[in-house]
Amino acid sequence: MRGIEEQMRVILRRKAYYTAKRQLQGLTFLAGGLGLMLCAALVFAPGITGSPVQAAGSVLGATILGPEAGGYVIVALIAFALGIVAVLLTQRRRQMKQDEGKKEG
């Protein structure tokens, strides 16, 4: 039979495990939702469709320099901002884990 202290350690360990699992699931759903939003932005953003811009002669110019590139720029800015948010969330989670480790240890 386990003592009270050992039972409390097991309970706290399980609680920490399920809390970390819930946080990871939350980040996974957030990343999936952000990915879907980015895909939707690529599909529905204005200026995404169209033919490449013709440069001098038969050489194709960069699409980003064309007049229909507004959607690409918006999607790139959204993707950049979402990347920053993802990095900040992971850094915050790592810091919280380190703080919990210092409290337990």
N, C-alpha and C. Protein backbone atom coordinates (compact mmCIF):
# COMPACT_ATOMS: atom_id res chain seq x y z
N MET A 1 0.84 -1.17 0.00
CA MET A 1 0.00 0.00 0.00
C MET A 1 0.90 1.25 0.00
N ARG A 2 0.49 2.23 -0.76
CA ARG A 2 1.27 3.46 -0.85
C ARG A 2 0.95 4.39 0.32
N GLY A 3 1.97 5.14 0.67
CA GLY A 3 1.77 6.14 1.71
C GLY A 3 1.12 7.39 1.12
N ILE A 4 0.70 8.29 1.98
CA ILE A 4 0.03 9.52 1.56
C ILE A 4 0.95 10.36 0.68
N GLU A 5 2.23 10.49 1.06
CA GLU A 5 3.15 11.32 0.29
C GLU A 5 3.37 10.75 -1.10
N GLU A 6 3.49 9.43 -1.19
CA GLU A 6 3.68 8.81 -2.51
C GLU A 6 2.44 8.97 -3.36
N GLN A 7 1.27 8.85 -2.78
CA GLN A 7 0.03 9.06 -3.52
C GLN A 7 -0.07 10.49 -4.03
N MET A 8 0.32 11.44 -3.22
CA MET A 8 0.29 12.85 -3.64
C MET A 8 1.27 13.10 -4.77
N ARG A 9 2.45 12.47 -4.71
CA ARG A 9 3.42 12.61 -5.81
C ARG A 9 2.85 12.06 -7.10
N VAL A 10 2.20 10.91 -7.02
CA VAL A 10 1.60 10.30 -8.21
C VAL A 10 0.49 11.19 -8.76
N ILE A 11 -0.34 11.73 -7.88
CA ILE A 11 -1.43 12.61 -8.31
C ILE A 11 -0.88 13.87 -8.97
N LEU A 12 0.13 14.48 -8.37
CA LEU A 12 0.71 15.69 -8.95
C LEU A 12 1.41 15.40 -10.27
N ARG A 13 2.05 14.24 -10.38
CA ARG A 13 2.69 13.86 -11.64
C ARG A 13 1.65 13.68 -12.74
N ARG A 14 0.54 13.02 -12.41
CA ARG A 14 -0.54 12.83 -13.39
C ARG A 14 -1.15 14.16 -13.79
N LYS A 15 -1.33 15.04 -12.80
CA LYS A 15 -1.90 16.35 -13.10
C LYS A 15 -0.98 17.12 -14.05
N ALA A 16 0.31 17.09 -13.80
CA ALA A 16 1.26 17.79 -14.68
C ALA A 16 1.25 17.18 -16.07
N TYR A 17 1.14 15.85 -16.15
CA TYR A 17 1.10 15.17 -17.45
C TYR A 17 -0.12 15.61 -18.24
N TYR A 18 -1.30 15.59 -17.62
CA TYR A 18 -2.52 15.94 -18.34
C TYR A 18 -2.59 17.43 -18.66
N THR A 19 -2.01 18.26 -17.82
CA THR A 19 -1.94 19.69 -18.12
C THR A 19 -1.05 19.94 -19.33
N ALA A 20 0.11 19.30 -19.37
CA ALA A 20 1.00 19.44 -20.52
C ALA A 20 0.36 18.89 -21.78
N LYS A 21 -0.36 17.78 -21.64
CA LYS A 21 -1.03 17.18 -22.80
C LYS A 21 -2.12 18.13 -23.33
N ARG A 22 -2.87 18.75 -22.44
CA ARG A 22 -3.91 19.69 -22.85
C ARG A 22 -3.30 20.91 -23.53
N GLN A 23 -2.19 21.40 -23.02
CA GLN A 23 -1.52 22.54 -23.64
C GLN A 23 -1.01 22.18 -25.03
N LEU A 24 -0.45 20.99 -25.17
CA LEU A 24 0.04 20.56 -26.47
C LEU A 24 -1.11 20.40 -27.46
N GLN A 25 -2.23 19.87 -27.01
CA GLN A 25 -3.39 19.76 -27.88
C GLN A 25 -3.88 21.14 -28.30
N GLY A 26 -3.87 22.08 -27.37
CA GLY A 26 -4.28 23.44 -27.69
C GLY A 26 -3.38 24.06 -28.74
N LEU A 27 -2.07 23.88 -28.59
CA LEU A 27 -1.13 24.41 -29.59
C LEU A 27 -1.30 23.71 -30.93
N THR A 28 -1.60 22.42 -30.90
CA THR A 28 -1.80 21.69 -32.14
C THR A 28 -3.03 22.21 -32.87
N PHE A 29 -4.14 22.39 -32.14
CA PHE A 29 -5.34 22.92 -32.77
C PHE A 29 -5.12 24.35 -33.26
N LEU A 30 -4.38 25.14 -32.50
CA LEU A 30 -4.08 26.50 -32.92
C LEU A 30 -3.26 26.50 -34.21
N ALA A 31 -2.24 25.65 -34.28
CA ALA A 31 -1.42 25.58 -35.48
C ALA A 31 -2.25 25.10 -36.68
N GLY A 32 -3.12 24.11 -36.46
CA GLY A 32 -3.98 23.64 -37.54
C GLY A 32 -4.93 24.72 -38.01
N GLY A 33 -5.51 25.44 -37.06
CA GLY A 33 -6.41 26.53 -37.43
C GLY A 33 -5.70 27.64 -38.18
N LEU A 34 -4.50 27.97 -37.74
CA LEU A 34 -3.72 29.00 -38.44
C LEU A 34 -3.36 28.54 -39.84
N GLY A 35 -3.04 27.25 -39.98
CA GLY A 35 -2.74 26.72 -41.32
C GLY A 35 -3.95 26.78 -42.23
N LEU A 36 -5.12 26.44 -41.69
CA LEU A 36 -6.34 26.53 -42.49
C LEU A 36 -6.65 27.98 -42.87
N MET A 37 -6.43 28.89 -41.93
CA MET A 37 -6.65 30.30 -42.25
C MET A 37 -5.71 30.78 -43.35
N LEU A 38 -4.46 30.31 -43.30
CA LEU A 38 -3.51 30.70 -44.33
C LEU A 38 -3.91 30.14 -45.69
N CYS A 39 -4.38 28.87 -45.69
CA CYS A 39 -4.85 28.27 -46.95
C CYS A 39 -6.06 29.03 -47.48
N ALA A 40 -6.98 29.41 -46.58
CA ALA A 40 -8.15 30.17 -47.01
C ALA A 40 -7.73 31.53 -47.55
N ALA A 41 -6.74 32.14 -46.92
CA ALA A 41 -6.26 33.43 -47.41
C ALA A 41 -5.64 33.30 -48.79
N LEU A 42 -4.94 32.19 -49.02
CA LEU A 42 -4.36 31.97 -50.35
C LEU A 42 -5.45 31.78 -51.40
N VAL A 43 -6.53 31.13 -51.02
CA VAL A 43 -7.60 30.86 -51.99
C VAL A 43 -8.46 32.08 -52.23
N PHE A 44 -8.81 32.79 -51.16
CA PHE A 44 -9.79 33.85 -51.28
C PHE A 44 -9.21 35.26 -51.35
N ALA A 45 -7.91 35.42 -51.21
CA ALA A 45 -7.32 36.76 -51.22
C ALA A 45 -7.38 37.34 -52.62
N PRO A 46 -7.64 38.63 -52.72
CA PRO A 46 -7.69 39.25 -54.05
C PRO A 46 -6.30 39.34 -54.66
N GLY A 47 -6.23 39.14 -55.94
CA GLY A 47 -4.96 39.28 -56.64
C GLY A 47 -4.12 38.03 -56.67
N ILE A 48 -4.62 36.91 -56.13
CA ILE A 48 -3.84 35.68 -56.14
C ILE A 48 -3.87 35.05 -57.52
N THR A 49 -5.04 35.06 -58.14
CA THR A 49 -5.15 34.43 -59.46
C THR A 49 -4.74 35.40 -60.55
N GLY A 50 -4.42 34.86 -61.66
CA GLY A 50 -4.03 35.70 -62.79
C GLY A 50 -2.81 35.14 -63.46
N SER A 51 -2.49 35.69 -64.60
CA SER A 51 -1.34 35.22 -65.34
C SER A 51 -0.09 35.96 -64.90
N PRO A 52 1.06 35.35 -65.09
CA PRO A 52 2.30 36.05 -64.75
C PRO A 52 2.48 37.29 -65.61
N VAL A 53 3.14 38.26 -65.06
CA VAL A 53 3.36 39.52 -65.76
C VAL A 53 4.50 39.34 -66.75
N GLN A 54 4.28 39.81 -67.94
CA GLN A 54 5.32 39.72 -68.96
C GLN A 54 6.32 40.87 -68.77
N ALA A 55 7.57 40.52 -68.70
CA ALA A 55 8.63 41.52 -68.63
C ALA A 55 9.07 41.82 -70.06
N ALA A 56 10.23 42.38 -70.22
CA ALA A 56 10.72 42.71 -71.55
C ALA A 56 10.89 41.44 -72.38
N GLY A 57 10.32 41.43 -73.55
CA GLY A 57 10.45 40.26 -74.43
C GLY A 57 9.60 39.10 -73.93
N SER A 58 10.16 37.91 -74.02
CA SER A 58 9.40 36.73 -73.61
C SER A 58 9.81 36.24 -72.22
N VAL A 59 10.58 37.04 -71.51
CA VAL A 59 11.02 36.66 -70.17
C VAL A 59 9.91 37.01 -69.18
N LEU A 60 9.58 36.06 -68.32
CA LEU A 60 8.53 36.31 -67.34
C LEU A 60 9.11 37.07 -66.15
N GLY A 61 8.42 38.11 -65.74
CA GLY A 61 8.86 38.87 -64.59
C GLY A 61 8.40 38.21 -63.30
N ALA A 62 8.91 38.66 -62.22
CA ALA A 62 8.51 38.12 -60.92
C ALA A 62 7.06 38.49 -60.64
N THR A 63 6.30 37.53 -60.19
CA THR A 63 4.88 37.78 -59.92
C THR A 63 4.70 38.80 -58.81
N ILE A 64 5.62 38.85 -57.88
CA ILE A 64 5.49 39.76 -56.76
C ILE A 64 5.57 41.22 -57.22
N LEU A 65 6.17 41.47 -58.36
CA LEU A 65 6.29 42.83 -58.87
C LEU A 65 5.11 43.24 -59.73
N GLY A 66 4.22 42.30 -60.02
CA GLY A 66 3.08 42.59 -60.88
C GLY A 66 1.99 43.35 -60.15
N PRO A 67 1.05 43.89 -60.91
CA PRO A 67 -0.03 44.65 -60.30
C PRO A 67 -1.02 43.78 -59.53
N GLU A 68 -1.03 42.48 -59.79
CA GLU A 68 -1.97 41.58 -59.12
C GLU A 68 -1.34 40.90 -57.91
N ALA A 69 -0.25 41.42 -57.40
CA ALA A 69 0.49 40.76 -56.33
C ALA A 69 0.03 41.16 -54.93
N GLY A 70 -1.00 41.99 -54.82
CA GLY A 70 -1.44 42.46 -53.51
C GLY A 70 -1.80 41.32 -52.56
N GLY A 71 -2.47 40.31 -53.11
CA GLY A 71 -2.86 39.17 -52.28
C GLY A 71 -1.67 38.40 -51.75
N TYR A 72 -0.65 38.24 -52.60
CA TYR A 72 0.55 37.53 -52.16
C TYR A 72 1.23 38.26 -51.02
N VAL A 73 1.29 39.56 -51.11
CA VAL A 73 1.94 40.35 -50.07
C VAL A 73 1.15 40.24 -48.76
N ILE A 74 -0.16 40.32 -48.85
CA ILE A 74 -0.99 40.20 -47.64
C ILE A 74 -0.81 38.83 -47.01
N VAL A 75 -0.84 37.78 -47.82
CA VAL A 75 -0.67 36.42 -47.30
C VAL A 75 0.72 36.25 -46.68
N ALA A 76 1.73 36.82 -47.29
CA ALA A 76 3.09 36.73 -46.75
C ALA A 76 3.17 37.44 -45.39
N LEU A 77 2.54 38.59 -45.27
CA LEU A 77 2.54 39.30 -43.99
C LEU A 77 1.79 38.52 -42.92
N ILE A 78 0.66 37.92 -43.30
CA ILE A 78 -0.10 37.10 -42.35
C ILE A 78 0.73 35.91 -41.90
N ALA A 79 1.39 35.24 -42.86
CA ALA A 79 2.21 34.08 -42.52
C ALA A 79 3.36 34.48 -41.60
N PHE A 80 3.97 35.63 -41.85
CA PHE A 80 5.05 36.11 -41.00
C PHE A 80 4.55 36.38 -39.59
N ALA A 81 3.41 37.06 -39.50
CA ALA A 81 2.84 37.36 -38.18
C ALA A 81 2.47 36.07 -37.44
N LEU A 82 1.91 35.10 -38.13
CA LEU A 82 1.55 33.84 -37.49
C LEU A 82 2.80 33.08 -37.04
N GLY A 83 3.87 33.18 -37.80
CA GLY A 83 5.12 32.57 -37.39
C GLY A 83 5.65 33.19 -36.10
N ILE A 84 5.56 34.50 -35.99
CA ILE A 84 5.99 35.19 -34.78
C ILE A 84 5.15 34.74 -33.59
N VAL A 85 3.82 34.65 -33.79
CA VAL A 85 2.94 34.20 -32.71
C VAL A 85 3.29 32.78 -32.28
N ALA A 86 3.54 31.90 -33.24
CA ALA A 86 3.89 30.52 -32.91
C ALA A 86 5.19 30.45 -32.11
N VAL A 87 6.18 31.23 -32.50
CA VAL A 87 7.45 31.24 -31.77
C VAL A 87 7.26 31.77 -30.36
N LEU A 88 6.48 32.83 -30.22
CA LEU A 88 6.26 33.39 -28.88
C LEU A 88 5.51 32.41 -27.99
N LEU A 89 4.53 31.70 -28.55
CA LEU A 89 3.79 30.72 -27.74
C LEU A 89 4.69 29.57 -27.30
N THR A 90 5.54 29.09 -28.20
CA THR A 90 6.42 27.99 -27.82
C THR A 90 7.45 28.44 -26.79
N GLN A 91 7.97 29.65 -26.94
CA GLN A 91 8.92 30.17 -25.95
C GLN A 91 8.25 30.33 -24.58
N ARG A 92 7.02 30.80 -24.59
CA ARG A 92 6.29 30.96 -23.32
C ARG A 92 6.05 29.60 -22.67
N ARG A 93 5.69 28.62 -23.47
CA ARG A 93 5.46 27.27 -22.93
C ARG A 93 6.76 26.69 -22.37
N ARG A 94 7.86 26.89 -23.06
CA ARG A 94 9.15 26.40 -22.58
C ARG A 94 9.54 27.08 -21.26
N GLN A 95 9.28 28.38 -21.18
CA GLN A 95 9.59 29.12 -19.95
C GLN A 95 8.72 28.62 -18.79
N MET A 96 7.45 28.33 -19.06
CA MET A 96 6.56 27.82 -18.02
C MET A 96 7.03 26.44 -17.55
N LYS A 97 7.50 25.61 -18.47
CA LYS A 97 8.01 24.29 -18.10
C LYS A 97 9.24 24.43 -17.21
N GLN A 98 10.14 25.36 -17.55
CA GLN A 98 11.33 25.56 -16.75
C GLN A 98 10.98 26.07 -15.35
N ASP A 99 10.00 26.96 -15.30
CA ASP A 99 9.56 27.46 -13.99
C ASP A 99 8.94 26.37 -13.14
N GLU A 100 8.16 25.48 -13.76
CA GLU A 100 7.56 24.36 -13.02
C GLU A 100 8.66 23.40 -12.54
N GLY A 101 9.68 23.19 -13.38
CA GLY A 101 10.78 22.33 -12.99
C GLY A 101 11.56 22.88 -11.80
N LYS A 102 11.71 24.20 -11.74
CA LYS A 102 12.40 24.82 -10.62
C LYS A 102 11.57 24.73 -9.34
N LYS A 103 10.24 24.81 -9.46
CA LYS A 103 9.37 24.72 -8.28
C LYS A 103 9.38 23.31 -7.71
N GLU A 104 9.37 22.30 -8.59
CA GLU A 104 9.36 20.91 -8.13
C GLU A 104 10.71 20.49 -7.59
N GLY A 105 11.78 20.98 -8.23
CA GLY A 105 13.13 20.53 -7.89
C GLY A 105 13.75 21.28 -6.81
